[in-house]
Amino acid sequence: MEKYDRISKITQDYLDGKLGKLHLNYNDNHSLDLVIEYQDSHEIWFDYEMILDLKTGKVCTASHQSEGYLNKVTLDRQIQFEDAVQKYLICH
C-alpha cells in the first residue's frame, strides 16, 4: 500500500489526523467515490467523503463529518485538503 502512503501524509498535513481507513470505489460513470476515515489527536474519528470526476479531475461533491454516540456533526470542508488529494490521485 505504498501508493497510498501519500494520502496518509496529506491527511496529516491538512487535517492534522492519522489515516485509519481509505475506501475507493470506481464507478461506471468515470467517477471515484472516496472515503477517508481519520483520527485526530483527541482520538475522535472523522469521515471525509468525496466524489471525483475522473474525466475532468474535479471534486464533484464532498462532506466532512464526525459521528458520535448521540449525533452527527457536520464540519467545514477543507478545500486545500480536497485539492491535494485530487491532484495526487489524478496525477498518479
PDB file of N, CA and C in Angstrom:
ATOM      1  N   MET A   1       0.812  -1.200   0.000  1.00  0.00           N
ATOM      2  CA  MET A   1       0.000   0.000   0.000  1.00  0.00           C
ATOM      3  C   MET A   1       0.853   1.261   0.000  1.00  0.00           C
ATOM      4  N   GLU A   2       2.082   1.139  -0.451  1.00  0.00           N
ATOM      5  CA  GLU A   2       2.946   2.309  -0.512  1.00  0.00           C
ATOM      6  C   GLU A   2       2.344   3.420  -1.359  1.00  0.00           C
ATOM      7  N   LYS A   3       1.554   3.034  -2.363  1.00  0.00           N
ATOM      8  CA  LYS A   3       0.939   4.018  -3.248  1.00  0.00           C
ATOM      9  C   LYS A   3       0.095   5.020  -2.458  1.00  0.00           C
ATOM     10  N   TYR A   4      -0.535   4.567  -1.386  1.00  0.00           N
ATOM     11  CA  TYR A   4      -1.439   5.427  -0.628  1.00  0.00           C
ATOM     12  C   TYR A   4      -0.790   6.023   0.616  1.00  0.00           C
ATOM     13  N   ASP A   5       0.509   5.821   0.793  1.00  0.00           N
ATOM     14  CA  ASP A   5       1.210   6.480   1.893  1.00  0.00           C
ATOM     15  C   ASP A   5       1.108   7.994   1.777  1.00  0.00           C
ATOM     16  N   ARG A   6       1.073   8.480   0.551  1.00  0.00           N
ATOM     17  CA  ARG A   6       0.972   9.922   0.330  1.00  0.00           C
ATOM     18  C   ARG A   6      -0.374  10.454   0.836  1.00  0.00           C
ATOM     19  N   ILE A   7      -1.447   9.663   0.699  1.00  0.00           N
ATOM     20  CA  ILE A   7      -2.758  10.070   1.232  1.00  0.00           C
ATOM     21  C   ILE A   7      -2.665  10.216   2.750  1.00  0.00           C
ATOM     22  N   SER A   8      -1.936   9.320   3.390  1.00  0.00           N
ATOM     23  CA  SER A   8      -1.736   9.407   4.833  1.00  0.00           C
ATOM     24  C   SER A   8      -1.004  10.696   5.191  1.00  0.00           C
ATOM     25  N   LYS A   9       0.013  11.043   4.424  1.00  0.00           N
ATOM     26  CA  LYS A   9       0.763  12.280   4.677  1.00  0.00           C
ATOM     27  C   LYS A   9      -0.103  13.514   4.426  1.00  0.00           C
ATOM     28  N   ILE A  10      -0.900  13.491   3.367  1.00  0.00           N
ATOM     29  CA  ILE A  10      -1.803  14.610   3.079  1.00  0.00           C
ATOM     30  C   ILE A  10      -2.809  14.779   4.216  1.00  0.00           C
ATOM     31  N   THR A  11      -3.330  13.674   4.731  1.00  0.00           N
ATOM     32  CA  THR A  11      -4.284  13.721   5.853  1.00  0.00           C
ATOM     33  C   THR A  11      -3.631  14.339   7.082  1.00  0.00           C
ATOM     34  N   GLN A  12      -2.400  13.949   7.354  1.00  0.00           N
ATOM     35  CA  GLN A  12      -1.673  14.512   8.500  1.00  0.00           C
ATOM     36  C   GLN A  12      -1.414  15.996   8.296  1.00  0.00           C
ATOM     37  N   ASP A  13      -0.965  16.371   7.114  1.00  0.00           N
ATOM     38  CA  ASP A  13      -0.587  17.762   6.842  1.00  0.00           C
ATOM     39  C   ASP A  13      -1.781  18.724   6.860  1.00  0.00           C
ATOM     40  N   TYR A  14      -2.898  18.313   6.254  1.00  0.00           N
ATOM     41  CA  TYR A  14      -4.026  19.236   6.085  1.00  0.00           C
ATOM     42  C   TYR A  14      -5.115  19.110   7.149  1.00  0.00           C
ATOM     43  N   LEU A  15      -5.283  17.900   7.698  1.00  0.00           N
ATOM     44  CA  LEU A  15      -6.353  17.693   8.681  1.00  0.00           C
ATOM     45  C   LEU A  15      -5.814  17.413  10.076  1.00  0.00           C
ATOM     46  N   ASP A  16      -4.497  17.357  10.202  1.00  0.00           N
ATOM     47  CA  ASP A  16      -3.847  17.051  11.476  1.00  0.00           C
ATOM     48  C   ASP A  16      -4.410  15.765  12.075  1.00  0.00           C
ATOM     49  N   GLY A  17      -4.532  14.745  11.211  1.00  0.00           N
ATOM     50  CA  GLY A  17      -5.099  13.485  11.655  1.00  0.00           C
ATOM     51  C   GLY A  17      -4.328  12.293  11.138  1.00  0.00           C
ATOM     52  N   LYS A  18      -4.573  11.168  11.775  1.00  0.00           N
ATOM     53  CA  LYS A  18      -3.933   9.902  11.412  1.00  0.00           C
ATOM     54  C   LYS A  18      -4.913   9.081  10.573  1.00  0.00           C
ATOM     55  N   LEU A  19      -4.499   8.726   9.358  1.00  0.00           N
ATOM     56  CA  LEU A  19      -5.350   7.952   8.468  1.00  0.00           C
ATOM     57  C   LEU A  19      -5.663   6.594   9.082  1.00  0.00           C
ATOM     58  N   GLY A  20      -6.955   6.259   9.118  1.00  0.00           N
ATOM     59  CA  GLY A  20      -7.380   4.964   9.644  1.00  0.00           C
ATOM     60  C   GLY A  20      -7.793   4.017   8.542  1.00  0.00           C
ATOM     61  N   LYS A  21      -8.652   4.496   7.634  1.00  0.00           N
ATOM     62  CA  LYS A  21      -9.140   3.688   6.519  1.00  0.00           C
ATOM     63  C   LYS A  21      -9.271   4.551   5.281  1.00  0.00           C
ATOM     64  N   LEU A  22      -9.077   3.912   4.151  1.00  0.00           N
ATOM     65  CA  LEU A  22      -9.248   4.564   2.870  1.00  0.00           C
ATOM     66  C   LEU A  22     -10.090   3.644   2.003  1.00  0.00           C
ATOM     67  N   HIS A  23     -11.243   4.140   1.555  1.00  0.00           N
ATOM     68  CA  HIS A  23     -12.142   3.377   0.697  1.00  0.00           C
ATOM     69  C   HIS A  23     -12.195   4.051  -0.666  1.00  0.00           C
ATOM     70  N   LEU A  24     -11.937   3.285  -1.720  1.00  0.00           N
ATOM     71  CA  LEU A  24     -12.016   3.783  -3.087  1.00  0.00           C
ATOM     72  C   LEU A  24     -12.993   2.916  -3.858  1.00  0.00           C
ATOM     73  N   ASN A  25     -13.893   3.555  -4.585  1.00  0.00           N
ATOM     74  CA  ASN A  25     -14.851   2.817  -5.397  1.00  0.00           C
ATOM     75  C   ASN A  25     -14.960   3.503  -6.753  1.00  0.00           C
ATOM     76  N   TYR A  26     -14.475   2.809  -7.775  1.00  0.00           N
ATOM     77  CA  TYR A  26     -14.557   3.342  -9.139  1.00  0.00           C
ATOM     78  C   TYR A  26     -15.923   3.021  -9.723  1.00  0.00           C
ATOM     79  N   ASN A  27     -16.557   4.002 -10.350  1.00  0.00           N
ATOM     80  CA  ASN A  27     -17.903   3.845 -10.898  1.00  0.00           C
ATOM     81  C   ASN A  27     -17.882   3.836 -12.423  1.00  0.00           C
ATOM     82  N   ASP A  28     -18.924   3.275 -13.009  1.00  0.00           N
ATOM     83  CA  ASP A  28     -19.045   3.193 -14.463  1.00  0.00           C
ATOM     84  C   ASP A  28     -19.120   4.560 -15.128  1.00  0.00           C
ATOM     85  N   ASN A  29     -19.572   5.556 -14.399  1.00  0.00           N
ATOM     86  CA  ASN A  29     -19.718   6.891 -14.986  1.00  0.00           C
ATOM     87  C   ASN A  29     -18.429   7.720 -14.888  1.00  0.00           C
ATOM     88  N   HIS A  30     -17.296   7.036 -14.754  1.00  0.00           N
ATOM     89  CA  HIS A  30     -15.977   7.675 -14.696  1.00  0.00           C
ATOM     90  C   HIS A  30     -15.832   8.605 -13.500  1.00  0.00           C
ATOM     91  N   SER A  31     -16.340   8.139 -12.370  1.00  0.00           N
ATOM     92  CA  SER A  31     -16.158   8.887 -11.134  1.00  0.00           C
ATOM     93  C   SER A  31     -15.554   7.959 -10.085  1.00  0.00           C
ATOM     94  N   LEU A  32     -15.024   8.560  -9.058  1.00  0.00           N
ATOM     95  CA  LEU A  32     -14.383   7.826  -7.969  1.00  0.00           C
ATOM     96  C   LEU A  32     -15.011   8.271  -6.657  1.00  0.00           C
ATOM     97  N   ASP A  33     -15.598   7.314  -5.927  1.00  0.00           N
ATOM     98  CA  ASP A  33     -16.090   7.587  -4.576  1.00  0.00           C
ATOM     99  C   ASP A  33     -14.926   7.332  -3.624  1.00  0.00           C
ATOM    100  N   LEU A  34     -14.668   8.281  -2.759  1.00  0.00           N
ATOM    101  CA  LEU A  34     -13.524   8.208  -1.865  1.00  0.00           C
ATOM    102  C   LEU A  34     -13.986   8.526  -0.449  1.00  0.00           C
ATOM    103  N   VAL A  35     -13.668   7.636   0.496  1.00  0.00           N
ATOM    104  CA  VAL A  35     -13.964   7.885   1.907  1.00  0.00           C
ATOM    105  C   VAL A  35     -12.658   7.747   2.678  1.00  0.00           C
ATOM    106  N   ILE A  36     -12.312   8.804   3.378  1.00  0.00           N
ATOM    107  CA  ILE A  36     -11.117   8.806   4.212  1.00  0.00           C
ATOM    108  C   ILE A  36     -11.582   8.892   5.656  1.00  0.00           C
ATOM    109  N   GLU A  37     -11.242   7.877   6.433  1.00  0.00           N
ATOM    110  CA  GLU A  37     -11.541   7.876   7.863  1.00  0.00           C
ATOM    111  C   GLU A  37     -10.239   8.181   8.585  1.00  0.00           C
ATOM    112  N   TYR A  38     -10.286   9.186   9.467  1.00  0.00           N
ATOM    113  CA  TYR A  38      -9.072   9.555  10.195  1.00  0.00           C
ATOM    114  C   TYR A  38      -9.397   9.912  11.633  1.00  0.00           C
ATOM    115  N   GLN A  39      -8.343   9.893  12.469  1.00  0.00           N
ATOM    116  CA  GLN A  39      -8.477  10.172  13.893  1.00  0.00           C
ATOM    117  C   GLN A  39      -7.606  11.368  14.238  1.00  0.00           C
ATOM    118  N   ASP A  40      -8.164  12.294  15.021  1.00  0.00           N
ATOM    119  CA  ASP A  40      -7.374  13.459  15.419  1.00  0.00           C
ATOM    120  C   ASP A  40      -6.607  13.179  16.708  1.00  0.00           C
ATOM    121  N   SER A  41      -5.902  14.170  17.202  1.00  0.00           N
ATOM    122  CA  SER A  41      -5.062  13.993  18.403  1.00  0.00           C
ATOM    123  C   SER A  41      -5.877  13.759  19.676  1.00  0.00           C
ATOM    124  N   HIS A  42      -7.190  14.045  19.623  1.00  0.00           N
ATOM    125  CA  HIS A  42      -8.069  13.802  20.775  1.00  0.00           C
ATOM    126  C   HIS A  42      -8.784  12.461  20.659  1.00  0.00           C
ATOM    127  N   GLU A  43      -8.340  11.645  19.691  1.00  0.00           N
ATOM    128  CA  GLU A  43      -8.876  10.311  19.428  1.00  0.00           C
ATOM    129  C   GLU A  43     -10.338  10.333  18.982  1.00  0.00           C
ATOM    130  N   ILE A  44     -10.723  11.397  18.288  1.00  0.00           N
ATOM    131  CA  ILE A  44     -12.054  11.499  17.698  1.00  0.00           C
ATOM    132  C   ILE A  44     -11.944  11.102  16.234  1.00  0.00           C
ATOM    133  N   TRP A  45     -12.879  10.282  15.773  1.00  0.00           N
ATOM    134  CA  TRP A  45     -12.869   9.801  14.396  1.00  0.00           C
ATOM    135  C   TRP A  45     -13.723  10.692  13.496  1.00  0.00           C
ATOM    136  N   PHE A  46     -13.237  10.894  12.281  1.00  0.00           N
ATOM    137  CA  PHE A  46     -13.900  11.720  11.290  1.00  0.00           C
ATOM    138  C   PHE A  46     -13.965  10.979   9.957  1.00  0.00           C
ATOM    139  N   ASP A  47     -14.956  11.322   9.167  1.00  0.00           N
ATOM    140  CA  ASP A  47     -15.087  10.814   7.798  1.00  0.00           C
ATOM    141  C   ASP A  47     -15.034  11.997   6.848  1.00  0.00           C
ATOM    142  N   TYR A  48     -14.227  11.850   5.820  1.00  0.00           N
ATOM    143  CA  TYR A  48     -14.189  12.840   4.748  1.00  0.00           C
ATOM    144  C   TYR A  48     -14.545  12.092   3.475  1.00  0.00           C
ATOM    145  N   GLU A  49     -15.693  12.432   2.889  1.00  0.00           N
ATOM    146  CA  GLU A  49     -16.185  11.746   1.704  1.00  0.00           C
ATOM    147  C   GLU A  49     -16.139  12.690   0.511  1.00  0.00           C
ATOM    148  N   MET A  50     -15.662  12.159  -0.617  1.00  0.00           N
ATOM    149  CA  MET A  50     -15.575  12.953  -1.841  1.00  0.00           C
ATOM    150  C   MET A  50     -15.978  12.101  -3.035  1.00  0.00           C
ATOM    151  N   ILE A  51     -16.489  12.753  -4.042  1.00  0.00           N
ATOM    152  CA  ILE A  51     -16.698  12.122  -5.348  1.00  0.00           C
ATOM    153  C   ILE A  51     -15.881  12.923  -6.345  1.00  0.00           C
ATOM    154  N   LEU A  52     -14.947  12.242  -7.020  1.00  0.00           N
ATOM    155  CA  LEU A  52     -14.098  12.875  -8.020  1.00  0.00           C
ATOM    156  C   LEU A  52     -14.570  12.485  -9.409  1.00  0.00           C
ATOM    157  N   ASP A  53     -14.641  13.449 -10.299  1.00  0.00           N
ATOM    158  CA  ASP A  53     -14.926  13.182 -11.700  1.00  0.00           C
ATOM    159  C   ASP A  53     -13.586  12.899 -12.369  1.00  0.00           C
ATOM    160  N   LEU A  54     -13.375  11.670 -12.822  1.00  0.00           N
ATOM    161  CA  LEU A  54     -12.090  11.284 -13.375  1.00  0.00           C
ATOM    162  C   LEU A  54     -11.828  11.874 -14.752  1.00  0.00           C
ATOM    163  N   LYS A  55     -12.877  12.279 -15.449  1.00  0.00           N
ATOM    164  CA  LYS A  55     -12.688  12.909 -16.760  1.00  0.00           C
ATOM    165  C   LYS A  55     -12.169  14.333 -16.624  1.00  0.00           C
ATOM    166  N   THR A  56     -12.746  15.085 -15.701  1.00  0.00           N
ATOM    167  CA  THR A  56     -12.365  16.488 -15.535  1.00  0.00           C
ATOM    168  C   THR A  56     -11.323  16.689 -14.440  1.00  0.00           C
ATOM    169  N   GLY A  57     -11.203  15.716 -13.536  1.00  0.00           N
ATOM    170  CA  GLY A  57     -10.282  15.851 -12.416  1.00  0.00           C
ATOM    171  C   GLY A  57     -10.801  16.738 -11.303  1.00  0.00           C
ATOM    172  N   LYS A  58     -12.079  17.043 -11.319  1.00  0.00           N
ATOM    173  CA  LYS A  58     -12.680  17.946 -10.323  1.00  0.00           C
ATOM    174  C   LYS A  58     -13.367  17.165  -9.204  1.00  0.00           C
ATOM    175  N   VAL A  59     -13.458  17.798  -8.039  1.00  0.00           N
ATOM    176  CA  VAL A  59     -14.239  17.263  -6.925  1.00  0.00           C
ATOM    177  C   VAL A  59     -15.692  17.636  -7.179  1.00  0.00           C
ATOM    178  N   CYS A  60     -16.556  16.624  -7.353  1.00  0.00           N
ATOM    179  CA  CYS A  60     -17.986  16.881  -7.607  1.00  0.00           C
ATOM    180  C   CYS A  60     -18.706  17.257  -6.320  1.00  0.00           C
ATOM    181  N   THR A  61     -18.550  16.432  -5.307  1.00  0.00           N
ATOM    182  CA  THR A  61     -19.165  16.695  -4.011  1.00  0.00           C
ATOM    183  C   THR A  61     -18.201  16.261  -2.914  1.00  0.00           C
ATOM    184  N   ALA A  62     -18.398  16.834  -1.740  1.00  0.00           N
ATOM    185  CA  ALA A  62     -17.572  16.461  -0.593  1.00  0.00           C
ATOM    186  C   ALA A  62     -18.326  16.757   0.685  1.00  0.00           C
ATOM    187  N   SER A  63     -18.062  15.941   1.701  1.00  0.00           N
ATOM    188  CA  SER A  63     -18.617  16.195   3.030  1.00  0.00           C
ATOM    189  C   SER A  63     -17.582  15.786   4.067  1.00  0.00           C
ATOM    190  N   HIS A  64     -17.645  16.438   5.198  1.00  0.00           N
ATOM    191  CA  HIS A  64     -16.695  16.232   6.292  1.00  0.00           C
ATOM    192  C   HIS A  64     -17.511  16.158   7.570  1.00  0.00           C
ATOM    193  N   GLN A  65     -17.405  15.041   8.285  1.00  0.00           N
ATOM    194  CA  GLN A  65     -18.261  14.875   9.456  1.00  0.00           C
ATOM    195  C   GLN A  65     -17.635  13.973  10.501  1.00  0.00           C
ATOM    196  N   SER A  66     -18.197  14.078  11.690  1.00  0.00           N
ATOM    197  CA  SER A  66     -17.853  13.200  12.798  1.00  0.00           C
ATOM    198  C   SER A  66     -19.163  12.657  13.350  1.00  0.00           C
ATOM    199  N   GLU A  67     -19.192  11.369  13.588  1.00  0.00           N
ATOM    200  CA  GLU A  67     -20.409  10.763  14.108  1.00  0.00           C
ATOM    201  C   GLU A  67     -20.142  10.259  15.516  1.00  0.00           C
ATOM    202  N   GLY A  68     -20.845  10.834  16.479  1.00  0.00           N
ATOM    203  CA  GLY A  68     -20.684  10.452  17.873  1.00  0.00           C
ATOM    204  C   GLY A  68     -21.752   9.469  18.301  1.00  0.00           C
ATOM    205  N   TYR A  69     -21.800   9.224  19.588  1.00  0.00           N
ATOM    206  CA  TYR A  69     -22.784   8.293  20.128  1.00  0.00           C
ATOM    207  C   TYR A  69     -24.209   8.810  19.977  1.00  0.00           C
ATOM    208  N   LEU A  70     -24.377  10.115  20.087  1.00  0.00           N
ATOM    209  CA  LEU A  70     -25.719  10.676  20.076  1.00  0.00           C
ATOM    210  C   LEU A  70     -26.056  11.472  18.820  1.00  0.00           C
ATOM    211  N   ASN A  71     -25.041  11.968  18.129  1.00  0.00           N
ATOM    212  CA  ASN A  71     -25.342  12.833  16.992  1.00  0.00           C
ATOM    213  C   ASN A  71     -24.223  12.810  15.956  1.00  0.00           C
ATOM    214  N   LYS A  72     -24.537  13.383  14.807  1.00  0.00           N
ATOM    215  CA  LYS A  72     -23.570  13.537  13.730  1.00  0.00           C
ATOM    216  C   LYS A  72     -23.264  15.018  13.599  1.00  0.00           C
ATOM    217  N   VAL A  73     -21.993  15.357  13.557  1.00  0.00           N
ATOM    218  CA  VAL A  73     -21.572  16.746  13.457  1.00  0.00           C
ATOM    219  C   VAL A  73     -20.989  16.971  12.069  1.00  0.00           C
ATOM    220  N   THR A  74     -21.535  17.942  11.350  1.00  0.00           N
ATOM    221  CA  THR A  74     -21.025  18.298  10.035  1.00  0.00           C
ATOM    222  C   THR A  74     -19.968  19.380  10.202  1.00  0.00           C
ATOM    223  N   LEU A  75     -18.833  19.164   9.582  1.00  0.00           N
ATOM    224  CA  LEU A  75     -17.706  20.089   9.685  1.00  0.00           C
ATOM    225  C   LEU A  75     -17.504  20.827   8.368  1.00  0.00           C
ATOM    226  N   ASP A  76     -16.759  21.905   8.424  1.00  0.00           N
ATOM    227  CA  ASP A  76     -16.437  22.660   7.215  1.00  0.00           C
ATOM    228  C   ASP A  76     -15.576  21.815   6.286  1.00  0.00           C
ATOM    229  N   ARG A  77     -15.772  22.030   5.000  1.00  0.00           N
ATOM    230  CA  ARG A  77     -14.910  21.392   4.021  1.00  0.00           C
ATOM    231  C   ARG A  77     -13.536  22.038   4.077  1.00  0.00           C
ATOM    232  N   GLN A  78     -12.526  21.252   3.817  1.00  0.00           N
ATOM    233  CA  GLN A  78     -11.150  21.736   3.766  1.00  0.00           C
ATOM    234  C   GLN A  78     -10.694  21.669   2.311  1.00  0.00           C
ATOM    235  N   ILE A  79     -10.892  22.759   1.597  1.00  0.00           N
ATOM    236  CA  ILE A  79     -10.651  22.800   0.154  1.00  0.00           C
ATOM    237  C   ILE A  79      -9.197  22.476  -0.184  1.00  0.00           C
ATOM    238  N   GLN A  80      -8.257  22.935   0.612  1.00  0.00           N
ATOM    239  CA  GLN A  80      -6.842  22.636   0.347  1.00  0.00           C
ATOM    240  C   GLN A  80      -6.581  21.132   0.442  1.00  0.00           C
ATOM    241  N   PHE A  81      -7.206  20.468   1.404  1.00  0.00           N
ATOM    242  CA  PHE A  81      -7.083  19.013   1.537  1.00  0.00           C
ATOM    243  C   PHE A  81      -7.675  18.332   0.310  1.00  0.00           C
ATOM    244  N   GLU A  82      -8.869  18.751  -0.084  1.00  0.00           N
ATOM    245  CA  GLU A  82      -9.523  18.162  -1.255  1.00  0.00           C
ATOM    246  C   GLU A  82      -8.662  18.331  -2.500  1.00  0.00           C
ATOM    247  N   ASP A  83      -8.097  19.517  -2.676  1.00  0.00           N
ATOM    248  CA  ASP A  83      -7.242  19.775  -3.834  1.00  0.00           C
ATOM    249  C   ASP A  83      -6.002  18.886  -3.820  1.00  0.00           C
ATOM    250  N   ALA A  84      -5.388  18.721  -2.656  1.00  0.00           N
ATOM    251  CA  ALA A  84      -4.183  17.894  -2.550  1.00  0.00           C
ATOM    252  C   ALA A  84      -4.495  16.430  -2.867  1.00  0.00           C
ATOM    253  N   VAL A  85      -5.594  15.913  -2.345  1.00  0.00           N
ATOM    254  CA  VAL A  85      -5.992  14.531  -2.628  1.00  0.00           C
ATOM    255  C   VAL A  85      -6.317  14.371  -4.101  1.00  0.00           C
ATOM    256  N   GLN A  86      -7.090  15.293  -4.634  1.00  0.00           N
ATOM    257  CA  GLN A  86      -7.493  15.235  -6.052  1.00  0.00           C
ATOM    258  C   GLN A  86      -6.254  15.259  -6.947  1.00  0.00           C
ATOM    259  N   LYS A  87      -5.329  16.166  -6.708  1.00  0.00           N
ATOM    260  CA  LYS A  87      -4.133  16.261  -7.538  1.00  0.00           C
ATOM    261  C   LYS A  87      -3.302  14.985  -7.449  1.00  0.00           C
ATOM    262  N   TYR A  88      -3.169  14.444  -6.248  1.00  0.00           N
ATOM    263  CA  TYR A  88      -2.377  13.224  -6.091  1.00  0.00           C
ATOM    264  C   TYR A  88      -3.019  12.045  -6.835  1.00  0.00           C
ATOM    265  N   LEU A  89      -4.326  11.846  -6.647  1.00  0.00           N
ATOM    266  CA  LEU A  89      -4.983  10.695  -7.275  1.00  0.00           C
ATOM    267  C   LEU A  89      -5.083  10.822  -8.797  1.00  0.00           C
ATOM    268  N   ILE A  90      -5.312  12.004  -9.293  1.00  0.00           N
ATOM    269  CA  ILE A  90      -5.432  12.190 -10.739  1.00  0.00           C
ATOM    270  C   ILE A  90      -4.054  12.052 -11.403  1.00  0.00           C
ATOM    271  N   CYS A  91      -3.023  12.557 -10.764  1.00  0.00           N
ATOM    272  CA  CYS A  91      -1.668  12.519 -11.354  1.00  0.00           C
ATOM    273  C   CYS A  91      -0.987  11.160 -11.197  1.00  0.00           C
ATOM    274  N   HIS A  92      -1.424  10.366 -10.249  1.00  0.00           N
ATOM    275  CA  HIS A  92      -0.784   9.065 -10.026  1.00  0.00           C
ATOM    276  C   HIS A  92      -1.758   8.000 -10.369  1.00  0.00           C
TER     277      HIS A  92
END
